[in-house]
C-alpha cells in the first residue's frame, strides 16, 4: 500500500493548435497546510508561429498533510514535479487529465527466510541515505478518451536526492531517462568500469519521462513511479 504523506493535483486541459510545453511547474511550499498554487495558462500562438498538436492550460493545487516537517520538503525537493499534457480526443473535444503525486519512505528489511522485504511508510521524517518512492497517478476526469501516446509526464529528479537505478516504471508507459534535462533515452545511464573491473556508480539521472502507450478511457487512471535516495 502506498501511503501518501503529501500530494499535489494538477488539472490539464487543451488549447487547439499549439504544441504544449513539457515539465513546466508552478507554485511553492512554505509550510504544511492547504494552499493554492499559482496557475499557468498557455497563450494562443503568435502570428506566423507554426501550429502543431495541442496546447494546454494548467491549474495546480496542492494539499499537504498536517504535521509534516517543513524541513522534509526543503531537503527532498518535493516541488520538482512533472506535468502531464493531453491532446485532443478522437472526437475533437478537450480531455481533462488530473495528476495526483505522492511520496513515501521505503524501508528495507529481511524476513525470517532472509528475503528482502520493502515497506512503504509515511515520509514524515527522513535523513540522508534513506530511500523515497514517488508515485504519480493520472486520471481522465472528462467524458472523452485520451489518445494513446498523448499523455506525457516529465519529472526532474528532486534536488538533494539521487535516482535509484532500476526503480522507474509504470504499466503501459514507456520510460525515458535524461542526464541533462533535454535529451532523453530509453536506456538508463550505464555505470563505467571502476577499479579492478568493478562497475562504478552510474552517472546521475537529471529527469525522467513517461509516455502512456494506451488510450485512456473516461474515468480510467494509471500510475508511474520512481525511487530516489536522500543525499
C-alpha atoms as a PDB file:
ATOM      1  CA  UNK A   1       0.000   0.000   0.000  1.00  0.00           C
ATOM      2  CA  UNK A   2       1.371   3.388  -0.965  1.00  0.00           C
ATOM      3  CA  UNK A   3       0.918   5.749   1.962  1.00  0.00           C
ATOM      4  CA  UNK A   4       0.859   9.323   0.711  1.00  0.00           C
ATOM      5  CA  UNK A   5       2.407  11.804   3.071  1.00  0.00           C
ATOM      6  CA  UNK A   6       1.781  14.618   0.655  1.00  0.00           C
ATOM      7  CA  UNK A   7       0.128  15.005  -2.691  1.00  0.00           C
ATOM      8  CA  UNK A   8      -0.489  17.501  -5.431  1.00  0.00           C
ATOM      9  CA  UNK A   9      -3.245  17.595  -8.042  1.00  0.00           C
ATOM     10  CA  UNK A  10      -2.782  19.157 -11.443  1.00  0.00           C
ATOM     11  CA  UNK A  11      -5.559  19.670 -13.929  1.00  0.00           C
ATOM     12  CA  UNK A  12      -4.519  19.683 -17.579  1.00  0.00           C
ATOM     13  CA  UNK A  13      -6.627  20.987 -20.439  1.00  0.00           C
ATOM     14  CA  UNK A  14      -6.142  21.726 -24.132  1.00  0.00           C
ATOM     15  CA  UNK A  15      -5.736  24.781 -26.325  1.00  0.00           C
ATOM     16  CA  UNK A  16      -6.261  23.859 -30.014  1.00  0.00           C
ATOM     17  CA  UNK A  17      -3.439  24.335 -32.476  1.00  0.00           C
ATOM     18  CA  UNK A  18      -0.285  24.622 -30.388  1.00  0.00           C
ATOM     19  CA  UNK A  19       2.164  22.089 -29.015  1.00  0.00           C
ATOM     20  CA  UNK A  20       2.448  22.070 -25.215  1.00  0.00           C
ATOM     21  CA  UNK A  21       5.476  22.921 -23.152  1.00  0.00           C
ATOM     22  CA  UNK A  22       6.707  19.973 -21.108  1.00  0.00           C
ATOM     23  CA  UNK A  23       7.719  19.998 -17.475  1.00  0.00           C
ATOM     24  CA  UNK A  24       6.533  23.489 -16.582  1.00  0.00           C
ATOM     25  CA  UNK A  25       5.951  23.922 -12.879  1.00  0.00           C
ATOM     26  CA  UNK A  26       4.130  26.362 -10.686  1.00  0.00           C
ATOM     27  CA  UNK A  27       3.758  27.107  -7.012  1.00  0.00           C
ATOM     28  CA  UNK A  28       5.906  26.891  -3.906  1.00  0.00           C
ATOM     29  CA  UNK A  29       5.807  25.295  -0.458  1.00  0.00           C
ATOM     30  CA  UNK A  30       6.496  27.287   2.677  1.00  0.00           C
ATOM     31  CA  UNK A  31       4.697  25.309   5.370  1.00  0.00           C
ATOM     32  CA  UNK A  32       2.217  22.425   5.747  1.00  0.00           C
ATOM     33  CA  UNK A  33      -1.471  23.140   5.217  1.00  0.00           C
ATOM     34  CA  UNK A  34      -3.935  23.699   2.373  1.00  0.00           C
ATOM     35  CA  UNK A  35      -2.637  26.032  -0.292  1.00  0.00           C
ATOM     36  CA  UNK A  36      -3.454  27.003  -3.837  1.00  0.00           C
ATOM     37  CA  UNK A  37      -0.602  27.396  -6.291  1.00  0.00           C
ATOM     38  CA  UNK A  38      -0.301  29.954  -9.000  1.00  0.00           C
ATOM     39  CA  UNK A  39      -1.902  28.799 -12.220  1.00  0.00           C
ATOM     40  CA  UNK A  40      -0.145  28.748 -15.567  1.00  0.00           C
ATOM     41  CA  UNK A  41      -2.056  29.120 -18.827  1.00  0.00           C
ATOM     42  CA  UNK A  42      -0.775  28.597 -22.368  1.00  0.00           C
ATOM     43  CA  UNK A  43      -1.199  31.550 -24.697  1.00  0.00           C
ATOM     44  CA  UNK A  44      -2.570  31.430 -28.263  1.00  0.00           C
ATOM     45  CA  UNK A  45       0.121  31.067 -30.947  1.00  0.00           C
ATOM     46  CA  UNK A  46       1.713  34.285 -32.109  1.00  0.00           C
ATOM     47  CA  UNK A  47       1.181  35.413 -35.720  1.00  0.00           C
ATOM     48  CA  UNK A  48       3.291  33.313 -38.060  1.00  0.00           C
ATOM     49  CA  UNK A  49       4.043  30.725 -35.370  1.00  0.00           C
ATOM     50  CA  UNK A  50       3.919  27.152 -36.605  1.00  0.00           C
ATOM     51  CA  UNK A  51       1.000  25.279 -35.083  1.00  0.00           C
ATOM     52  CA  UNK A  52       1.237  21.637 -34.152  1.00  0.00           C
ATOM     53  CA  UNK A  53      -0.587  19.156 -32.000  1.00  0.00           C
ATOM     54  CA  UNK A  54      -2.167  20.541 -28.872  1.00  0.00           C
ATOM     55  CA  UNK A  55      -1.673  23.392 -26.449  1.00  0.00           C
ATOM     56  CA  UNK A  56      -2.650  23.365 -22.864  1.00  0.00           C
ATOM     57  CA  UNK A  57      -3.680  25.228 -19.795  1.00  0.00           C
ATOM     58  CA  UNK A  58      -2.688  24.023 -16.369  1.00  0.00           C
ATOM     59  CA  UNK A  59      -4.055  24.800 -12.965  1.00  0.00           C
ATOM     60  CA  UNK A  60      -2.307  23.266  -9.980  1.00  0.00           C
ATOM     61  CA  UNK A  61      -3.486  22.880  -6.423  1.00  0.00           C
ATOM     62  CA  UNK A  62      -1.622  21.197  -3.623  1.00  0.00           C
ATOM     63  CA  UNK A  63      -2.551  19.784  -0.235  1.00  0.00           C
ATOM     64  CA  UNK A  64      -0.005  18.849   2.404  1.00  0.00           C
ATOM     65  CA  UNK A  65      -0.839  16.520   5.245  1.00  0.00           C
ATOM     66  CA  UNK A  66      -0.834  18.425   8.536  1.00  0.00           C
ATOM     67  CA  UNK A  67       2.132  17.798  10.780  1.00  0.00           C
ATOM     68  CA  UNK A  68       4.741  17.061   8.116  1.00  0.00           C
ATOM     69  CA  UNK A  69       8.032  18.728   8.914  1.00  0.00           C
ATOM     70  CA  UNK A  70       8.722  21.638   6.505  1.00  0.00           C
ATOM     71  CA  UNK A  71      12.407  20.682   6.501  1.00  0.00           C
ATOM     72  CA  UNK A  72      11.487  17.469   4.728  1.00  0.00           C
ATOM     73  CA  UNK A  73      10.134  19.367   1.753  1.00  0.00           C
ATOM     74  CA  UNK A  74      13.145  21.654   1.565  1.00  0.00           C
ATOM     75  CA  UNK A  75      15.592  18.729   1.624  1.00  0.00           C
ATOM     76  CA  UNK A  76      13.715  16.285  -0.560  1.00  0.00           C
ATOM     77  CA  UNK A  77      12.851  18.895  -3.157  1.00  0.00           C
ATOM     78  CA  UNK A  78       9.272  17.677  -3.371  1.00  0.00           C
ATOM     79  CA  UNK A  79       8.313  20.578  -5.601  1.00  0.00           C
ATOM     80  CA  UNK A  80      10.206  19.051  -8.508  1.00  0.00           C
ATOM     81  CA  UNK A  81       7.088  17.562 -10.038  1.00  0.00           C
ATOM     82  CA  UNK A  82       6.345  16.981 -13.694  1.00  0.00           C
ATOM     83  CA  UNK A  83       3.328  17.887 -15.788  1.00  0.00           C
ATOM     84  CA  UNK A  84       1.055  15.757 -17.962  1.00  0.00           C
ATOM     85  CA  UNK A  85      -0.308  17.123 -21.210  1.00  0.00           C
ATOM     86  CA  UNK A  86      -3.296  15.691 -23.073  1.00  0.00           C
ATOM     87  CA  UNK A  87      -4.061  16.048 -26.766  1.00  0.00           C
ATOM     88  CA  UNK A  88      -7.422  16.276 -28.484  1.00  0.00           C
ATOM     89  CA  UNK A  89      -9.538  13.192 -28.101  1.00  0.00           C
ATOM     90  CA  UNK A  90     -10.737  11.357 -31.171  1.00  0.00           C
ATOM     91  CA  UNK A  91     -13.949  13.387 -31.133  1.00  0.00           C
ATOM     92  CA  UNK A  92     -12.039  16.676 -31.183  1.00  0.00           C
ATOM     93  CA  UNK A  93     -13.319  17.588 -27.725  1.00  0.00           C
ATOM     94  CA  UNK A  94     -10.973  18.526 -24.899  1.00  0.00           C
ATOM     95  CA  UNK A  95      -9.983  15.816 -22.427  1.00  0.00           C
ATOM     96  CA  UNK A  96      -9.013  16.613 -18.850  1.00  0.00           C
ATOM     97  CA  UNK A  97      -6.184  14.690 -17.190  1.00  0.00           C
ATOM     98  CA  UNK A  98      -5.509  15.168 -13.478  1.00  0.00           C
ATOM     99  CA  UNK A  99      -2.221  14.276 -11.759  1.00  0.00           C
ATOM    100  CA  UNK A 100      -2.007  13.164  -8.135  1.00  0.00           C
ATOM    101  CA  UNK A 101       1.556  12.859  -6.800  1.00  0.00           C
ATOM    102  CA  UNK A 102       2.528  11.191  -3.513  1.00  0.00           C
ATOM    103  CA  UNK A 103       5.811  10.392  -1.779  1.00  0.00           C
ATOM    104  CA  UNK A 104       6.588   7.645   0.737  1.00  0.00           C
ATOM    105  CA  UNK A 105       9.660   6.386   2.576  1.00  0.00           C
ATOM    106  CA  UNK A 106      10.951   2.934   1.587  1.00  0.00           C
ATOM    107  CA  UNK A 107      12.065   0.739   4.477  1.00  0.00           C
ATOM    108  CA  UNK A 108      14.070  -2.361   3.545  1.00  0.00           C
ATOM    109  CA  UNK A 109      14.299  -5.304   5.963  1.00  0.00           C
ATOM    110  CA  UNK A 110      14.965  -9.052   5.850  1.00  0.00           C
ATOM    111  CA  UNK A 111      12.266 -11.544   6.790  1.00  0.00           C
ATOM    112  CA  UNK A 112      12.840 -14.780   8.705  1.00  0.00           C
ATOM    113  CA  UNK A 113      13.828 -16.541   5.494  1.00  0.00           C
ATOM    114  CA  UNK A 114      16.438 -13.935   4.591  1.00  0.00           C
ATOM    115  CA  UNK A 115      14.343 -12.462   1.796  1.00  0.00           C
ATOM    116  CA  UNK A 116      14.362  -8.717   1.184  1.00  0.00           C
ATOM    117  CA  UNK A 117      11.139  -7.038   2.267  1.00  0.00           C
ATOM    118  CA  UNK A 118      10.224  -3.495   1.243  1.00  0.00           C
ATOM    119  CA  UNK A 119       7.587  -1.490   3.077  1.00  0.00           C
ATOM    120  CA  UNK A 120       6.227   1.971   2.263  1.00  0.00           C
ATOM    121  CA  UNK A 121       5.956   4.289   5.255  1.00  0.00           C
ATOM    122  CA  UNK A 122       4.952   7.931   5.776  1.00  0.00           C
ATOM    123  CA  UNK A 123       7.845  10.234   4.856  1.00  0.00           C
ATOM    124  CA  UNK A 124       7.302  12.492   7.846  1.00  0.00           C
ATOM    125  CA  UNK A 125      10.936  12.288   8.957  1.00  0.00           C
ATOM    126  CA  UNK A 126      13.798  11.400   6.624  1.00  0.00           C
ATOM    127  CA  UNK A 127      17.580  11.516   6.897  1.00  0.00           C
ATOM    128  CA  UNK A 128      20.405  11.301   4.338  1.00  0.00           C
ATOM    129  CA  UNK A 129      20.780   7.832   2.878  1.00  0.00           C
ATOM    130  CA  UNK A 130      17.100   6.928   3.085  1.00  0.00           C
ATOM    131  CA  UNK A 131      15.075   5.929   0.026  1.00  0.00           C
ATOM    132  CA  UNK A 132      11.885   7.661  -1.129  1.00  0.00           C
ATOM    133  CA  UNK A 133       9.272   6.500  -3.631  1.00  0.00           C
ATOM    134  CA  UNK A 134       7.388   8.951  -5.837  1.00  0.00           C
ATOM    135  CA  UNK A 135       4.069   7.739  -7.274  1.00  0.00           C
ATOM    136  CA  UNK A 136       2.276   9.831  -9.900  1.00  0.00           C
ATOM    137  CA  UNK A 137      -1.325   8.837 -10.665  1.00  0.00           C
ATOM    138  CA  UNK A 138      -3.012  10.256 -13.770  1.00  0.00           C
ATOM    139  CA  UNK A 139      -6.792  10.159 -14.244  1.00  0.00           C
ATOM    140  CA  UNK A 140      -9.076  11.037 -17.148  1.00  0.00           C
ATOM    141  CA  UNK A 141     -11.813  13.061 -15.491  1.00  0.00           C
ATOM    142  CA  UNK A 142     -13.537  14.060 -18.723  1.00  0.00           C
ATOM    143  CA  UNK A 143     -16.197  12.329 -20.827  1.00  0.00           C
ATOM    144  CA  UNK A 144     -13.955  11.670 -23.833  1.00  0.00           C
ATOM    145  CA  UNK A 145     -10.980   9.300 -24.242  1.00  0.00           C
ATOM    146  CA  UNK A 146      -7.370  10.469 -24.439  1.00  0.00           C
ATOM    147  CA  UNK A 147      -5.499   9.013 -27.405  1.00  0.00           C
ATOM    148  CA  UNK A 148      -2.546   6.657 -26.972  1.00  0.00           C
ATOM    149  CA  UNK A 149       0.867   8.342 -26.526  1.00  0.00           C
ATOM    150  CA  UNK A 150      -0.788  11.683 -25.753  1.00  0.00           C
ATOM    151  CA  UNK A 151      -0.150  11.632 -22.006  1.00  0.00           C
ATOM    152  CA  UNK A 152       3.452  12.562 -21.224  1.00  0.00           C
ATOM    153  CA  UNK A 153       4.800  13.043 -17.700  1.00  0.00           C
ATOM    154  CA  UNK A 154       8.212  14.651 -17.213  1.00  0.00           C
ATOM    155  CA  UNK A 155       9.693  14.741 -13.715  1.00  0.00           C
ATOM    156  CA  UNK A 156      13.119  16.132 -12.734  1.00  0.00           C
ATOM    157  CA  UNK A 157      14.918  14.201 -10.007  1.00  0.00           C
ATOM    158  CA  UNK A 158      14.343  16.308  -6.862  1.00  0.00           C
ATOM    159  CA  UNK A 159      17.213  18.462  -5.668  1.00  0.00           C
ATOM    160  CA  UNK A 160      19.170  16.899  -2.819  1.00  0.00           C
ATOM    161  CA  UNK A 161      18.410  13.349  -3.996  1.00  0.00           C
ATOM    162  CA  UNK A 162      19.771  10.811  -6.482  1.00  0.00           C
ATOM    163  CA  UNK A 163      17.723   8.461  -8.665  1.00  0.00           C
ATOM    164  CA  UNK A 164      17.901   4.800  -7.611  1.00  0.00           C
ATOM    165  CA  UNK A 165      18.719   2.736 -10.745  1.00  0.00           C
ATOM    166  CA  UNK A 166      16.098   0.254 -11.872  1.00  0.00           C
ATOM    167  CA  UNK A 167      13.187   1.772  -9.944  1.00  0.00           C
ATOM    168  CA  UNK A 168      11.365   3.769 -12.639  1.00  0.00           C
ATOM    169  CA  UNK A 169       8.290   2.124 -14.092  1.00  0.00           C
ATOM    170  CA  UNK A 170       4.619   2.297 -14.916  1.00  0.00           C
ATOM    171  CA  UNK A 171       2.278  -0.232 -16.515  1.00  0.00           C
ATOM    172  CA  UNK A 172       1.573   0.698 -20.110  1.00  0.00           C
ATOM    173  CA  UNK A 173       4.135   3.525 -20.145  1.00  0.00           C
ATOM    174  CA  UNK A 174       7.468   3.929 -21.930  1.00  0.00           C
ATOM    175  CA  UNK A 175      10.141   5.316 -19.607  1.00  0.00           C
ATOM    176  CA  UNK A 176      12.977   7.538 -20.821  1.00  0.00           C
ATOM    177  CA  UNK A 177      15.944   8.996 -18.960  1.00  0.00           C
ATOM    178  CA  UNK A 178      17.914  12.220 -19.315  1.00  0.00           C
ATOM    179  CA  UNK A 179      21.279  13.256 -17.895  1.00  0.00           C
ATOM    180  CA  UNK A 180      20.903  16.909 -18.888  1.00  0.00           C
ATOM    181  CA  UNK A 181      17.139  17.522 -18.775  1.00  0.00           C
ATOM    182  CA  UNK A 182      16.973  17.980 -22.555  1.00  0.00           C
ATOM    183  CA  UNK A 183      17.972  14.761 -24.335  1.00  0.00           C
ATOM    184  CA  UNK A 184      16.105  11.572 -23.388  1.00  0.00           C
ATOM    185  CA  UNK A 185      16.969   7.924 -23.990  1.00  0.00           C
ATOM    186  CA  UNK A 186      15.063   4.708 -23.262  1.00  0.00           C
ATOM    187  CA  UNK A 187      18.143   3.191 -21.594  1.00  0.00           C
ATOM    188  CA  UNK A 188      19.282   4.141 -18.119  1.00  0.00           C
ATOM    189  CA  UNK A 189      22.804   5.619 -17.916  1.00  0.00           C
ATOM    190  CA  UNK A 190      25.308   2.789 -17.611  1.00  0.00           C
ATOM    191  CA  UNK A 191      27.941   2.658 -14.911  1.00  0.00           C
ATOM    192  CA  UNK A 192      31.522   2.948 -16.222  1.00  0.00           C
ATOM    193  CA  UNK A 193      34.079   0.320 -15.285  1.00  0.00           C
ATOM    194  CA  UNK A 194      35.725   1.078 -11.968  1.00  0.00           C
ATOM    195  CA  UNK A 195      38.941  -0.065 -10.368  1.00  0.00           C
ATOM    196  CA  UNK A 196      39.617  -3.767 -10.816  1.00  0.00           C
ATOM    197  CA  UNK A 197      36.908  -4.066 -13.429  1.00  0.00           C
ATOM    198  CA  UNK A 198      34.174  -3.482 -10.877  1.00  0.00           C
ATOM    199  CA  UNK A 199      31.337  -1.208 -12.082  1.00  0.00           C
ATOM    200  CA  UNK A 200      31.399   2.293 -10.676  1.00  0.00           C
ATOM    201  CA  UNK A 201      28.364   4.338  -9.738  1.00  0.00           C
ATOM    202  CA  UNK A 202      26.276   5.200 -12.832  1.00  0.00           C
ATOM    203  CA  UNK A 203      26.024   8.842 -13.929  1.00  0.00           C
ATOM    204  CA  UNK A 204      23.216  10.724 -12.171  1.00  0.00           C
ATOM    205  CA  UNK A 205      19.823  10.981 -13.863  1.00  0.00           C
ATOM    206  CA  UNK A 206      18.550  14.551 -14.225  1.00  0.00           C
ATOM    207  CA  UNK A 207      14.977  13.858 -15.392  1.00  0.00           C
ATOM    208  CA  UNK A 208      12.600  11.017 -16.191  1.00  0.00           C
ATOM    209  CA  UNK A 209       9.833  10.964 -18.783  1.00  0.00           C
ATOM    210  CA  UNK A 210       6.910   8.563 -19.189  1.00  0.00           C
ATOM    211  CA  UNK A 211       4.712   8.289 -22.296  1.00  0.00           C
ATOM    212  CA  UNK A 212       1.465   6.360 -21.791  1.00  0.00           C
ATOM    213  CA  UNK A 213       1.130   3.964 -24.728  1.00  0.00           C
ATOM    214  CA  UNK A 214      -2.586   3.226 -24.455  1.00  0.00           C
ATOM    215  CA  UNK A 215      -5.830   5.105 -24.870  1.00  0.00           C
ATOM    216  CA  UNK A 216      -7.143   6.335 -21.526  1.00  0.00           C
ATOM    217  CA  UNK A 217     -10.918   5.996 -21.359  1.00  0.00           C
ATOM    218  CA  UNK A 218     -13.109   8.407 -19.375  1.00  0.00           C
ATOM    219  CA  UNK A 219     -12.902   7.590 -15.675  1.00  0.00           C
ATOM    220  CA  UNK A 220      -9.801   5.408 -16.074  1.00  0.00           C
ATOM    221  CA  UNK A 221      -6.422   6.065 -14.485  1.00  0.00           C
ATOM    222  CA  UNK A 222      -2.842   4.830 -14.465  1.00  0.00           C
ATOM    223  CA  UNK A 223       0.318   5.435 -12.469  1.00  0.00           C
ATOM    224  CA  UNK A 224       4.069   5.764 -12.829  1.00  0.00           C
ATOM    225  CA  UNK A 225       6.753   5.733 -10.157  1.00  0.00           C
ATOM    226  CA  UNK A 226      10.447   6.074  -9.333  1.00  0.00           C
ATOM    227  CA  UNK A 227      12.717   5.983  -6.280  1.00  0.00           C
ATOM    228  CA  UNK A 228      15.378   8.418  -5.092  1.00  0.00           C
ATOM    229  CA  UNK A 229      17.915   8.352  -2.271  1.00  0.00           C
ATOM    230  CA  UNK A 230      18.439  11.309   0.035  1.00  0.00           C
ATOM    231  CA  UNK A 231      21.918  12.864  -0.147  1.00  0.00           C
END
